[in-house]
Amino acid sequence: MNGETIAVVGGTGNLGAAIAWRLAKAGRRVIIGSRSAQAAGEKAAALGHGIAGMTNVAAAATGDVVIVAVPFAAQDATLAEIRPHVAGKIVVDTTVPLVPPKVMRVQLPAEGSAAVRAQSALGEGVTTVSAFHNVAAHKLAQDIDIGCDVLVFGDDKVARGKVVALADAMGLRGLHGGALVNSAAAEALTSILIFLNKTYKVDGAGIRITGALLPPQD
């Protein structure tokens, strides 16, 4: 994937910017998108590592792989905006269905998960994968070893593998989590992690899978 361009839609937000920075620092070609091209350009300059900034639509049209990092409230509008520009591409949805103010309670949408909601919105011409639900953005934005696993979900194993490789490049450990519908588990877990953060005064709880994991079989 080193030769592919990765577009991060919503790349001026905390999670999007951290993902873009980590990938660019690892040598990937990265574009961040925003509703404002100026805001994207300013954020890209601040992040460095050759990151470019443009509108969300332009970023989605330019990227080979598109990562969507927007709040749940903005998911529908963002996906509708980029849908005409992502046919035939992998779109990685990071959306967690948090509904303020009760963000410590699991509130999955009627479709079962934000990922399945994204797949429906984008249509059959797009390969939808979901990931990066359970990693704290403020930790991801620091040059530290987070020691966190990233569960990656999708119905296309090859596409999942590409996103697992992106997580690995970011200094995390990407793991295949199975079909896209399984994303509901990771999305729901985010509310639990937020509860743990508050209850036990944790600075960004994450997940780590125990046991000796062998490479997945083809």
N, C-alpha and C. Protein backbone atom coordinates (compact mmCIF):
# COMPACT_ATOMS: atom_id res chain seq x y z
N MET A 1 0.81 -1.21 0.00
CA MET A 1 0.00 0.00 0.00
C MET A 1 0.85 1.26 0.00
N ASN A 2 2.17 1.11 0.02
CA ASN A 2 3.02 2.29 0.14
C ASN A 2 2.81 3.28 -1.00
N GLY A 3 2.42 2.79 -2.18
CA GLY A 3 2.25 3.69 -3.32
C GLY A 3 0.88 4.30 -3.41
N GLU A 4 -0.05 3.88 -2.55
CA GLU A 4 -1.41 4.40 -2.61
C GLU A 4 -1.56 5.66 -1.76
N THR A 5 -2.47 6.51 -2.19
CA THR A 5 -2.78 7.72 -1.43
C THR A 5 -3.91 7.44 -0.47
N ILE A 6 -3.72 7.82 0.78
CA ILE A 6 -4.74 7.61 1.80
C ILE A 6 -5.37 8.96 2.13
N ALA A 7 -6.66 9.04 1.97
CA ALA A 7 -7.39 10.27 2.28
C ALA A 7 -8.12 10.09 3.60
N VAL A 8 -7.97 11.06 4.48
CA VAL A 8 -8.67 11.02 5.76
C VAL A 8 -9.73 12.12 5.74
N VAL A 9 -10.96 11.72 5.54
CA VAL A 9 -12.09 12.65 5.54
C VAL A 9 -12.45 12.97 6.98
N GLY A 10 -12.56 14.26 7.29
CA GLY A 10 -12.69 14.66 8.68
C GLY A 10 -11.32 14.69 9.34
N GLY A 11 -10.30 14.96 8.54
CA GLY A 11 -8.93 14.87 9.01
C GLY A 11 -8.46 16.01 9.89
N THR A 12 -9.30 17.02 10.10
CA THR A 12 -8.92 18.10 11.02
C THR A 12 -9.41 17.82 12.45
N GLY A 13 -10.22 16.79 12.62
CA GLY A 13 -10.66 16.39 13.95
C GLY A 13 -9.56 15.64 14.68
N ASN A 14 -9.76 15.38 15.95
CA ASN A 14 -8.71 14.77 16.77
C ASN A 14 -8.29 13.40 16.26
N LEU A 15 -9.26 12.51 16.02
CA LEU A 15 -8.92 11.17 15.56
C LEU A 15 -8.36 11.19 14.15
N GLY A 16 -9.03 11.91 13.26
CA GLY A 16 -8.57 11.96 11.87
C GLY A 16 -7.17 12.51 11.75
N ALA A 17 -6.88 13.58 12.47
CA ALA A 17 -5.55 14.19 12.42
C ALA A 17 -4.49 13.25 12.97
N ALA A 18 -4.82 12.53 14.05
CA ALA A 18 -3.86 11.60 14.63
C ALA A 18 -3.57 10.44 13.69
N ILE A 19 -4.60 9.91 13.05
CA ILE A 19 -4.42 8.83 12.09
C ILE A 19 -3.55 9.31 10.92
N ALA A 20 -3.88 10.48 10.40
CA ALA A 20 -3.12 11.03 9.27
C ALA A 20 -1.65 11.22 9.64
N TRP A 21 -1.40 11.77 10.80
CA TRP A 21 -0.03 12.04 11.26
C TRP A 21 0.76 10.75 11.40
N ARG A 22 0.15 9.74 12.02
CA ARG A 22 0.84 8.47 12.21
C ARG A 22 1.17 7.82 10.86
N LEU A 23 0.23 7.84 9.94
CA LEU A 23 0.45 7.21 8.64
C LEU A 23 1.51 7.96 7.84
N ALA A 24 1.44 9.28 7.86
CA ALA A 24 2.42 10.07 7.11
C ALA A 24 3.81 9.90 7.71
N LYS A 25 3.89 9.84 9.03
CA LYS A 25 5.17 9.65 9.71
C LYS A 25 5.77 8.30 9.34
N ALA A 26 4.90 7.34 9.02
CA ALA A 26 5.36 6.00 8.62
C ALA A 26 5.71 5.92 7.13
N GLY A 27 5.60 7.07 6.45
CA GLY A 27 6.00 7.10 5.05
C GLY A 27 4.88 6.98 4.04
N ARG A 28 3.63 6.94 4.50
CA ARG A 28 2.51 6.85 3.58
C ARG A 28 2.18 8.23 3.01
N ARG A 29 1.62 8.24 1.81
CA ARG A 29 1.17 9.49 1.18
C ARG A 29 -0.24 9.78 1.68
N VAL A 30 -0.43 10.92 2.34
CA VAL A 30 -1.68 11.18 3.06
C VAL A 30 -2.26 12.55 2.68
N ILE A 31 -3.58 12.57 2.53
CA ILE A 31 -4.35 13.80 2.33
C ILE A 31 -5.36 13.89 3.47
N ILE A 32 -5.54 15.06 4.03
CA ILE A 32 -6.64 15.23 4.99
C ILE A 32 -7.71 16.13 4.37
N GLY A 33 -8.95 15.80 4.66
CA GLY A 33 -10.07 16.59 4.16
C GLY A 33 -10.80 17.29 5.28
N SER A 34 -11.48 18.35 4.91
CA SER A 34 -12.32 19.09 5.85
C SER A 34 -13.42 19.77 5.04
N ARG A 35 -14.41 20.27 5.71
CA ARG A 35 -15.44 21.04 4.98
C ARG A 35 -14.82 22.29 4.38
N SER A 36 -13.76 22.80 5.00
CA SER A 36 -13.07 23.98 4.52
C SER A 36 -11.68 23.60 4.01
N ALA A 37 -11.39 23.93 2.75
CA ALA A 37 -10.06 23.65 2.20
C ALA A 37 -8.99 24.41 2.97
N GLN A 38 -9.29 25.63 3.40
CA GLN A 38 -8.32 26.43 4.14
C GLN A 38 -7.98 25.77 5.48
N ALA A 39 -9.02 25.31 6.18
CA ALA A 39 -8.79 24.65 7.47
C ALA A 39 -7.96 23.38 7.28
N ALA A 40 -8.26 22.63 6.22
CA ALA A 40 -7.51 21.41 5.94
C ALA A 40 -6.05 21.72 5.63
N GLY A 41 -5.84 22.77 4.85
CA GLY A 41 -4.47 23.16 4.50
C GLY A 41 -3.67 23.59 5.71
N GLU A 42 -4.30 24.34 6.59
CA GLU A 42 -3.61 24.81 7.80
C GLU A 42 -3.28 23.64 8.73
N LYS A 43 -4.22 22.71 8.86
CA LYS A 43 -3.97 21.55 9.72
C LYS A 43 -2.89 20.67 9.12
N ALA A 44 -2.92 20.49 7.79
CA ALA A 44 -1.91 19.67 7.12
C ALA A 44 -0.52 20.25 7.34
N ALA A 45 -0.40 21.57 7.25
CA ALA A 45 0.89 22.22 7.46
C ALA A 45 1.37 22.02 8.89
N ALA A 46 0.44 22.06 9.83
CA ALA A 46 0.81 21.88 11.23
C ALA A 46 1.26 20.44 11.51
N LEU A 47 0.63 19.49 10.84
CA LEU A 47 0.97 18.08 11.05
C LEU A 47 2.30 17.71 10.39
N GLY A 48 2.60 18.34 9.26
CA GLY A 48 3.86 18.09 8.58
C GLY A 48 3.92 16.75 7.87
N HIS A 49 5.12 16.25 7.65
CA HIS A 49 5.36 14.95 7.01
C HIS A 49 4.76 14.87 5.60
N GLY A 50 4.65 16.01 4.94
CA GLY A 50 4.17 16.01 3.56
C GLY A 50 2.68 15.84 3.39
N ILE A 51 1.92 15.95 4.46
CA ILE A 51 0.46 15.81 4.36
C ILE A 51 -0.11 16.99 3.59
N ALA A 52 -1.07 16.70 2.69
CA ALA A 52 -1.76 17.74 1.93
C ALA A 52 -3.17 17.92 2.49
N GLY A 53 -3.74 19.10 2.28
CA GLY A 53 -5.09 19.38 2.77
C GLY A 53 -6.00 19.88 1.67
N MET A 54 -7.24 19.45 1.69
CA MET A 54 -8.23 19.88 0.70
C MET A 54 -9.62 19.63 1.27
N THR A 55 -10.66 19.90 0.49
CA THR A 55 -12.01 19.64 0.97
C THR A 55 -12.24 18.14 1.12
N ASN A 56 -13.25 17.77 1.87
CA ASN A 56 -13.59 16.36 2.02
C ASN A 56 -13.86 15.70 0.68
N VAL A 57 -14.60 16.38 -0.18
CA VAL A 57 -14.93 15.82 -1.49
C VAL A 57 -13.69 15.61 -2.33
N ALA A 58 -12.83 16.61 -2.38
CA ALA A 58 -11.59 16.50 -3.17
C ALA A 58 -10.69 15.41 -2.61
N ALA A 59 -10.62 15.31 -1.29
CA ALA A 59 -9.79 14.27 -0.67
C ALA A 59 -10.32 12.89 -1.01
N ALA A 60 -11.63 12.71 -0.92
CA ALA A 60 -12.24 11.42 -1.23
C ALA A 60 -12.03 11.04 -2.69
N ALA A 61 -12.09 12.04 -3.57
CA ALA A 61 -11.90 11.78 -4.99
C ALA A 61 -10.45 11.43 -5.30
N THR A 62 -9.52 11.98 -4.55
CA THR A 62 -8.10 11.79 -4.82
C THR A 62 -7.55 10.52 -4.18
N GLY A 63 -8.04 10.16 -3.04
CA GLY A 63 -7.49 9.03 -2.30
C GLY A 63 -7.81 7.69 -2.92
N ASP A 64 -6.88 6.75 -2.77
CA ASP A 64 -7.12 5.36 -3.18
C ASP A 64 -7.85 4.61 -2.09
N VAL A 65 -7.49 4.91 -0.85
CA VAL A 65 -8.18 4.39 0.33
C VAL A 65 -8.68 5.60 1.11
N VAL A 66 -9.95 5.56 1.52
CA VAL A 66 -10.56 6.71 2.19
C VAL A 66 -10.95 6.32 3.60
N ILE A 67 -10.41 7.04 4.57
CA ILE A 67 -10.76 6.83 5.97
C ILE A 67 -11.70 7.94 6.41
N VAL A 68 -12.85 7.56 6.93
CA VAL A 68 -13.85 8.55 7.37
C VAL A 68 -13.79 8.63 8.89
N ALA A 69 -13.41 9.81 9.39
CA ALA A 69 -13.25 10.02 10.83
C ALA A 69 -14.07 11.22 11.26
N VAL A 70 -15.38 11.02 11.35
CA VAL A 70 -16.28 12.10 11.74
C VAL A 70 -17.18 11.62 12.87
N PRO A 71 -17.76 12.53 13.64
CA PRO A 71 -18.70 12.13 14.70
C PRO A 71 -19.93 11.45 14.10
N PHE A 72 -20.60 10.67 14.92
CA PHE A 72 -21.80 9.95 14.47
C PHE A 72 -22.84 10.91 13.91
N ALA A 73 -22.98 12.09 14.52
CA ALA A 73 -23.98 13.06 14.07
C ALA A 73 -23.70 13.55 12.66
N ALA A 74 -22.45 13.46 12.21
CA ALA A 74 -22.08 13.94 10.88
C ALA A 74 -21.92 12.81 9.87
N GLN A 75 -22.14 11.57 10.30
CA GLN A 75 -21.87 10.43 9.41
C GLN A 75 -22.73 10.45 8.15
N ASP A 76 -24.03 10.58 8.31
CA ASP A 76 -24.93 10.53 7.15
C ASP A 76 -24.57 11.58 6.10
N ALA A 77 -24.42 12.82 6.53
CA ALA A 77 -24.15 13.91 5.61
C ALA A 77 -22.79 13.74 4.93
N THR A 78 -21.81 13.30 5.69
CA THR A 78 -20.47 13.13 5.12
C THR A 78 -20.44 12.02 4.08
N LEU A 79 -21.06 10.89 4.39
CA LEU A 79 -21.07 9.78 3.45
C LEU A 79 -21.84 10.13 2.18
N ALA A 80 -22.93 10.86 2.33
CA ALA A 80 -23.70 11.28 1.15
C ALA A 80 -22.86 12.20 0.27
N GLU A 81 -22.03 13.02 0.90
CA GLU A 81 -21.20 13.97 0.17
C GLU A 81 -20.10 13.28 -0.61
N ILE A 82 -19.49 12.24 -0.03
CA ILE A 82 -18.36 11.60 -0.70
C ILE A 82 -18.77 10.41 -1.57
N ARG A 83 -19.99 9.94 -1.43
CA ARG A 83 -20.41 8.72 -2.15
C ARG A 83 -20.12 8.77 -3.65
N PRO A 84 -20.37 9.86 -4.36
CA PRO A 84 -20.10 9.86 -5.80
C PRO A 84 -18.63 9.72 -6.16
N HIS A 85 -17.73 9.83 -5.17
CA HIS A 85 -16.30 9.90 -5.46
C HIS A 85 -15.51 8.69 -4.93
N VAL A 86 -16.22 7.68 -4.39
CA VAL A 86 -15.50 6.56 -3.77
C VAL A 86 -15.85 5.20 -4.37
N ALA A 87 -16.51 5.20 -5.52
CA ALA A 87 -16.86 3.93 -6.17
C ALA A 87 -15.60 3.14 -6.46
N GLY A 88 -15.61 1.86 -6.13
CA GLY A 88 -14.48 0.99 -6.40
C GLY A 88 -13.35 1.10 -5.39
N LYS A 89 -13.53 1.89 -4.35
CA LYS A 89 -12.47 2.11 -3.37
C LYS A 89 -12.79 1.41 -2.04
N ILE A 90 -11.77 1.32 -1.20
CA ILE A 90 -11.97 0.90 0.19
C ILE A 90 -12.27 2.14 1.02
N VAL A 91 -13.38 2.11 1.73
CA VAL A 91 -13.70 3.19 2.65
C VAL A 91 -13.69 2.62 4.07
N VAL A 92 -12.85 3.20 4.91
CA VAL A 92 -12.71 2.75 6.29
C VAL A 92 -13.52 3.68 7.18
N ASP A 93 -14.56 3.15 7.78
CA ASP A 93 -15.41 3.96 8.65
C ASP A 93 -14.98 3.77 10.10
N THR A 94 -14.70 4.87 10.77
CA THR A 94 -14.26 4.82 12.17
C THR A 94 -15.37 5.23 13.14
N THR A 95 -16.56 5.46 12.61
CA THR A 95 -17.63 6.07 13.40
C THR A 95 -18.07 5.21 14.58
N VAL A 96 -18.19 5.85 15.70
CA VAL A 96 -18.75 5.22 16.90
C VAL A 96 -20.07 5.91 17.21
N PRO A 97 -21.16 5.15 17.38
CA PRO A 97 -22.47 5.77 17.61
C PRO A 97 -22.64 6.28 19.04
N LEU A 98 -21.91 7.35 19.34
CA LEU A 98 -22.07 8.00 20.64
C LEU A 98 -23.14 9.07 20.53
N VAL A 99 -24.08 9.04 21.45
CA VAL A 99 -25.18 10.00 21.43
C VAL A 99 -25.13 10.82 22.71
N PRO A 100 -24.53 12.01 22.66
CA PRO A 100 -24.44 12.85 23.85
C PRO A 100 -25.83 13.16 24.39
N PRO A 101 -25.96 13.34 25.70
CA PRO A 101 -24.88 13.35 26.70
C PRO A 101 -24.57 11.97 27.29
N LYS A 102 -25.29 10.94 26.87
CA LYS A 102 -25.14 9.63 27.50
C LYS A 102 -24.11 8.77 26.75
N VAL A 103 -22.89 9.29 26.66
CA VAL A 103 -21.88 8.60 25.87
C VAL A 103 -21.33 7.36 26.57
N MET A 104 -21.65 7.17 27.84
CA MET A 104 -21.20 5.97 28.56
C MET A 104 -22.21 4.85 28.48
N ARG A 105 -23.25 5.02 27.65
CA ARG A 105 -24.24 3.97 27.43
C ARG A 105 -24.21 3.55 25.98
N VAL A 106 -24.24 2.26 25.75
CA VAL A 106 -24.25 1.74 24.38
C VAL A 106 -25.57 2.11 23.71
N GLN A 107 -25.47 2.75 22.55
CA GLN A 107 -26.67 3.16 21.80
C GLN A 107 -26.44 2.89 20.32
N LEU A 108 -26.46 1.62 19.95
CA LEU A 108 -26.25 1.25 18.56
C LEU A 108 -27.46 1.66 17.71
N PRO A 109 -27.23 2.04 16.46
CA PRO A 109 -28.34 2.46 15.60
C PRO A 109 -29.22 1.28 15.19
N ALA A 110 -30.34 1.59 14.56
CA ALA A 110 -31.30 0.55 14.16
C ALA A 110 -30.68 -0.47 13.21
N GLU A 111 -29.68 -0.05 12.42
CA GLU A 111 -29.04 -0.97 11.47
C GLU A 111 -28.14 -1.99 12.16
N GLY A 112 -27.89 -1.81 13.44
CA GLY A 112 -27.07 -2.74 14.19
C GLY A 112 -25.69 -2.21 14.49
N SER A 113 -25.17 -1.35 13.63
CA SER A 113 -23.86 -0.73 13.85
C SER A 113 -23.71 0.45 12.91
N ALA A 114 -22.81 1.35 13.27
CA ALA A 114 -22.51 2.48 12.38
C ALA A 114 -21.86 2.00 11.09
N ALA A 115 -21.12 0.89 11.17
CA ALA A 115 -20.45 0.36 9.98
C ALA A 115 -21.45 -0.14 8.96
N VAL A 116 -22.45 -0.89 9.40
CA VAL A 116 -23.49 -1.38 8.48
C VAL A 116 -24.28 -0.20 7.93
N ARG A 117 -24.49 0.79 8.73
CA ARG A 117 -25.15 2.03 8.29
C ARG A 117 -24.33 2.68 7.18
N ALA A 118 -23.01 2.70 7.35
CA ALA A 118 -22.13 3.29 6.34
C ALA A 118 -22.17 2.49 5.05
N GLN A 119 -22.13 1.18 5.17
CA GLN A 119 -22.18 0.33 3.97
C GLN A 119 -23.45 0.58 3.18
N SER A 120 -24.55 0.70 3.87
CA SER A 120 -25.82 0.96 3.21
C SER A 120 -25.82 2.32 2.51
N ALA A 121 -25.22 3.31 3.16
CA ALA A 121 -25.19 4.66 2.60
C ALA A 121 -24.28 4.75 1.39
N LEU A 122 -23.20 3.99 1.38
CA LEU A 122 -22.22 4.07 0.30
C LEU A 122 -22.57 3.20 -0.90
N GLY A 123 -23.31 2.13 -0.68
CA GLY A 123 -23.74 1.29 -1.79
C GLY A 123 -22.79 0.14 -2.09
N GLU A 124 -23.21 -0.74 -2.98
CA GLU A 124 -22.47 -1.97 -3.26
C GLU A 124 -21.16 -1.74 -3.99
N GLY A 125 -20.99 -0.60 -4.63
CA GLY A 125 -19.77 -0.34 -5.39
C GLY A 125 -18.58 0.03 -4.53
N VAL A 126 -18.79 0.09 -3.22
CA VAL A 126 -17.73 0.49 -2.28
C VAL A 126 -17.45 -0.68 -1.35
N THR A 127 -16.17 -0.93 -1.05
CA THR A 127 -15.79 -1.95 -0.07
C THR A 127 -15.64 -1.27 1.29
N THR A 128 -16.60 -1.52 2.16
CA THR A 128 -16.61 -0.86 3.46
C THR A 128 -15.90 -1.70 4.51
N VAL A 129 -14.99 -1.07 5.22
CA VAL A 129 -14.27 -1.70 6.33
C VAL A 129 -14.43 -0.76 7.52
N SER A 130 -14.41 -1.30 8.72
CA SER A 130 -14.47 -0.42 9.90
C SER A 130 -13.33 -0.76 10.86
N ALA A 131 -12.80 0.28 11.51
CA ALA A 131 -11.65 0.10 12.40
C ALA A 131 -11.42 1.37 13.22
N PHE A 132 -10.45 1.30 14.12
CA PHE A 132 -9.98 2.44 14.94
C PHE A 132 -11.04 2.97 15.90
N HIS A 133 -11.89 2.08 16.43
CA HIS A 133 -12.93 2.52 17.35
C HIS A 133 -12.42 2.69 18.78
N ASN A 134 -11.44 1.89 19.18
CA ASN A 134 -11.10 1.77 20.60
C ASN A 134 -9.72 2.29 20.95
N VAL A 135 -9.20 3.22 20.15
CA VAL A 135 -7.91 3.82 20.44
C VAL A 135 -8.11 5.29 20.74
N ALA A 136 -7.52 5.77 21.83
CA ALA A 136 -7.69 7.16 22.24
C ALA A 136 -6.95 8.10 21.30
N ALA A 137 -7.67 9.06 20.75
CA ALA A 137 -7.08 9.97 19.75
C ALA A 137 -5.91 10.76 20.34
N HIS A 138 -6.03 11.21 21.59
CA HIS A 138 -4.96 12.03 22.16
C HIS A 138 -3.68 11.24 22.37
N LYS A 139 -3.81 9.92 22.57
CA LYS A 139 -2.62 9.08 22.66
C LYS A 139 -2.03 8.82 21.28
N LEU A 140 -2.91 8.61 20.31
CA LEU A 140 -2.48 8.36 18.94
C LEU A 140 -1.71 9.55 18.39
N ALA A 141 -2.01 10.72 18.88
CA ALA A 141 -1.36 11.95 18.40
C ALA A 141 0.02 12.18 19.02
N GLN A 142 0.43 11.30 19.92
CA GLN A 142 1.74 11.43 20.56
C GLN A 142 2.70 10.38 20.01
N ASP A 143 3.97 10.71 20.03
CA ASP A 143 4.99 9.78 19.54
C ASP A 143 5.37 8.82 20.66
N ILE A 144 4.41 7.96 21.02
CA ILE A 144 4.61 7.00 22.10
C ILE A 144 4.08 5.64 21.67
N ASP A 145 4.49 4.61 22.38
CA ASP A 145 3.97 3.26 22.16
C ASP A 145 2.68 3.12 22.97
N ILE A 146 1.57 3.02 22.27
CA ILE A 146 0.27 2.97 22.95
C ILE A 146 -0.02 1.59 23.50
N GLY A 147 0.50 0.55 22.84
CA GLY A 147 0.23 -0.81 23.29
C GLY A 147 -1.22 -1.19 23.13
N CYS A 148 -1.81 -0.81 21.99
CA CYS A 148 -3.25 -1.00 21.78
C CYS A 148 -3.50 -1.83 20.53
N ASP A 149 -4.48 -2.70 20.60
CA ASP A 149 -4.90 -3.47 19.42
C ASP A 149 -6.03 -2.73 18.70
N VAL A 150 -6.08 -2.91 17.38
CA VAL A 150 -7.14 -2.34 16.56
C VAL A 150 -7.86 -3.49 15.87
N LEU A 151 -9.13 -3.67 16.18
CA LEU A 151 -9.93 -4.70 15.53
C LEU A 151 -10.48 -4.14 14.22
N VAL A 152 -10.30 -4.91 13.15
CA VAL A 152 -10.68 -4.47 11.81
C VAL A 152 -11.77 -5.41 11.29
N PHE A 153 -12.86 -4.81 10.80
CA PHE A 153 -14.02 -5.59 10.37
C PHE A 153 -14.34 -5.29 8.90
N GLY A 154 -14.76 -6.33 8.19
CA GLY A 154 -15.16 -6.14 6.81
C GLY A 154 -15.47 -7.49 6.16
N ASP A 155 -16.30 -7.48 5.17
CA ASP A 155 -16.69 -8.71 4.50
C ASP A 155 -15.69 -9.16 3.44
N ASP A 156 -14.76 -8.28 3.07
CA ASP A 156 -13.72 -8.59 2.10
C ASP A 156 -12.41 -8.78 2.85
N LYS A 157 -11.89 -10.00 2.86
CA LYS A 157 -10.70 -10.31 3.67
C LYS A 157 -9.47 -9.55 3.18
N VAL A 158 -9.33 -9.38 1.86
CA VAL A 158 -8.18 -8.66 1.32
C VAL A 158 -8.21 -7.21 1.77
N ALA A 159 -9.39 -6.58 1.70
CA ALA A 159 -9.53 -5.20 2.14
C ALA A 159 -9.25 -5.08 3.63
N ARG A 160 -9.75 -6.02 4.41
CA ARG A 160 -9.45 -6.03 5.85
C ARG A 160 -7.95 -6.08 6.08
N GLY A 161 -7.28 -6.93 5.31
CA GLY A 161 -5.84 -7.08 5.45
C GLY A 161 -5.09 -5.79 5.19
N LYS A 162 -5.57 -5.02 4.23
CA LYS A 162 -4.93 -3.73 3.93
C LYS A 162 -5.05 -2.78 5.12
N VAL A 163 -6.19 -2.79 5.76
CA VAL A 163 -6.41 -1.90 6.90
C VAL A 163 -5.64 -2.40 8.12
N VAL A 164 -5.55 -3.71 8.29
CA VAL A 164 -4.71 -4.27 9.34
C VAL A 164 -3.27 -3.79 9.16
N ALA A 165 -2.80 -3.78 7.91
CA ALA A 165 -1.43 -3.31 7.62
C ALA A 165 -1.27 -1.83 7.94
N LEU A 166 -2.31 -1.04 7.70
CA LEU A 166 -2.25 0.38 8.05
C LEU A 166 -2.13 0.56 9.55
N ALA A 167 -2.90 -0.21 10.31
CA ALA A 167 -2.82 -0.13 11.77
C ALA A 167 -1.43 -0.51 12.25
N ASP A 168 -0.86 -1.54 11.65
CA ASP A 168 0.50 -1.95 12.01
C ASP A 168 1.50 -0.84 11.72
N ALA A 169 1.35 -0.19 10.56
CA ALA A 169 2.25 0.90 10.18
C ALA A 169 2.17 2.06 11.15
N MET A 170 1.03 2.21 11.81
CA MET A 170 0.84 3.30 12.76
C MET A 170 1.41 2.97 14.14
N GLY A 171 2.04 1.79 14.28
CA GLY A 171 2.60 1.41 15.56
C GLY A 171 1.61 0.73 16.49
N LEU A 172 0.46 0.35 15.95
CA LEU A 172 -0.54 -0.38 16.71
C LEU A 172 -0.46 -1.85 16.28
N ARG A 173 -1.38 -2.67 16.72
CA ARG A 173 -1.46 -4.04 16.22
C ARG A 173 -2.84 -4.25 15.64
N GLY A 174 -2.90 -4.36 14.33
CA GLY A 174 -4.17 -4.59 13.66
C GLY A 174 -4.52 -6.06 13.68
N LEU A 175 -5.78 -6.37 13.97
CA LEU A 175 -6.25 -7.75 14.03
C LEU A 175 -7.55 -7.89 13.25
N HIS A 176 -7.66 -8.96 12.48
CA HIS A 176 -8.91 -9.26 11.78
C HIS A 176 -10.00 -9.55 12.81
N GLY A 177 -11.11 -8.81 12.72
CA GLY A 177 -12.22 -9.02 13.64
C GLY A 177 -13.41 -9.70 13.00
N GLY A 178 -13.27 -10.07 11.71
CA GLY A 178 -14.35 -10.78 11.04
C GLY A 178 -15.26 -9.87 10.23
N ALA A 179 -16.47 -10.35 10.00
CA ALA A 179 -17.43 -9.68 9.11
C ALA A 179 -17.77 -8.27 9.61
N LEU A 180 -18.27 -7.45 8.69
CA LEU A 180 -18.59 -6.06 9.02
C LEU A 180 -19.60 -5.96 10.15
N VAL A 181 -20.54 -6.89 10.22
CA VAL A 181 -21.56 -6.84 11.28
C VAL A 181 -20.93 -6.96 12.66
N ASN A 182 -19.76 -7.59 12.74
CA ASN A 182 -19.09 -7.73 14.03
C ASN A 182 -18.60 -6.40 14.58
N SER A 183 -18.58 -5.38 13.74
CA SER A 183 -18.16 -4.05 14.18
C SER A 183 -19.00 -3.55 15.35
N ALA A 184 -20.21 -4.06 15.47
CA ALA A 184 -21.09 -3.65 16.57
C ALA A 184 -20.42 -3.85 17.93
N ALA A 185 -19.62 -4.91 18.05
CA ALA A 185 -18.97 -5.20 19.33
C ALA A 185 -17.96 -4.11 19.69
N ALA A 186 -17.12 -3.72 18.72
CA ALA A 186 -16.10 -2.69 18.98
C ALA A 186 -16.74 -1.32 19.18
N GLU A 187 -17.77 -1.04 18.41
CA GLU A 187 -18.46 0.25 18.54
C GLU A 187 -19.09 0.37 19.93
N ALA A 188 -19.73 -0.71 20.38
CA ALA A 188 -20.35 -0.70 21.70
C ALA A 188 -19.31 -0.61 22.80
N LEU A 189 -18.16 -1.24 22.59
CA LEU A 189 -17.12 -1.25 23.60
C LEU A 189 -16.59 0.16 23.89
N THR A 190 -16.69 1.06 22.92
CA THR A 190 -16.19 2.42 23.13
C THR A 190 -16.91 3.09 24.30
N SER A 191 -18.20 2.92 24.39
CA SER A 191 -18.94 3.50 25.52
C SER A 191 -18.47 2.91 26.84
N ILE A 192 -18.14 1.62 26.83
CA ILE A 192 -17.65 0.97 28.04
C ILE A 192 -16.28 1.52 28.42
N LEU A 193 -15.42 1.74 27.41
CA LEU A 193 -14.10 2.30 27.69
C LEU A 193 -14.20 3.71 28.26
N ILE A 194 -15.14 4.49 27.75
CA ILE A 194 -15.36 5.84 28.29
C ILE A 194 -15.79 5.76 29.75
N PHE A 195 -16.66 4.80 30.05
CA PHE A 195 -17.09 4.59 31.44
C PHE A 195 -15.91 4.21 32.32
N LEU A 196 -15.04 3.31 31.80
CA LEU A 196 -13.85 2.91 32.56
C LEU A 196 -12.91 4.09 32.79
N ASN A 197 -12.76 4.92 31.77
CA ASN A 197 -11.91 6.10 31.91
C ASN A 197 -12.36 6.96 33.08
N LYS A 198 -13.67 7.18 33.16
CA LYS A 198 -14.20 8.03 34.21
C LYS A 198 -14.15 7.35 35.57
N THR A 199 -14.53 6.09 35.60
CA THR A 199 -14.64 5.37 36.88
C THR A 199 -13.29 5.11 37.52
N TYR A 200 -12.31 4.73 36.68
CA TYR A 200 -11.01 4.34 37.21
C TYR A 200 -9.91 5.37 36.92
N LYS A 201 -10.32 6.55 36.42
CA LYS A 201 -9.38 7.64 36.14
C LYS A 201 -8.27 7.18 35.19
N VAL A 202 -8.69 6.53 34.11
CA VAL A 202 -7.75 6.05 33.10
C VAL A 202 -7.57 7.12 32.03
N ASP A 203 -6.34 7.33 31.61
CA ASP A 203 -6.05 8.32 30.56
C ASP A 203 -6.15 7.66 29.18
N GLY A 204 -7.36 7.26 28.80
CA GLY A 204 -7.56 6.69 27.47
C GLY A 204 -7.40 5.18 27.44
N ALA A 205 -8.36 4.46 28.03
CA ALA A 205 -8.31 3.00 28.04
C ALA A 205 -8.42 2.46 26.61
N GLY A 206 -7.73 1.36 26.36
CA GLY A 206 -7.82 0.70 25.06
C GLY A 206 -8.01 -0.79 25.27
N ILE A 207 -7.80 -1.58 24.22
CA ILE A 207 -7.95 -3.03 24.34
C ILE A 207 -6.67 -3.72 23.89
N ARG A 208 -6.43 -4.88 24.46
CA ARG A 208 -5.31 -5.72 24.07
C ARG A 208 -5.77 -7.17 24.14
N ILE A 209 -5.64 -7.90 23.05
CA ILE A 209 -6.06 -9.30 22.99
C ILE A 209 -4.93 -10.17 23.53
N THR A 210 -5.27 -11.03 24.50
CA THR A 210 -4.25 -11.88 25.11
C THR A 210 -4.09 -13.17 24.32
N GLY A 211 -3.01 -13.89 24.62
CA GLY A 211 -2.76 -15.16 23.97
C GLY A 211 -1.76 -15.01 22.83
N ALA A 212 -1.16 -16.15 22.44
CA ALA A 212 -0.19 -16.16 21.34
C ALA A 212 -0.97 -16.29 20.02
N LEU A 213 -0.95 -15.23 19.22
CA LEU A 213 -1.73 -15.22 17.98
C LEU A 213 -0.83 -15.62 16.82
N LEU A 214 -1.23 -16.64 16.07
CA LEU A 214 -0.51 -17.06 14.88
C LEU A 214 -1.03 -16.29 13.68
N PRO A 215 -0.23 -16.11 12.64
CA PRO A 215 -0.71 -15.41 11.44
C PRO A 215 -1.94 -16.08 10.87
N PRO A 216 -2.93 -15.29 10.43
CA PRO A 216 -4.15 -15.89 9.87
C PRO A 216 -3.85 -16.66 8.60
N GLN A 217 -4.59 -17.74 8.38
CA GLN A 217 -4.42 -18.58 7.20
C GLN A 217 -5.19 -18.00 6.02
N ASP A 218 -4.64 -18.11 4.81
CA ASP A 218 -5.33 -17.63 3.61
C ASP A 218 -6.51 -18.54 3.29
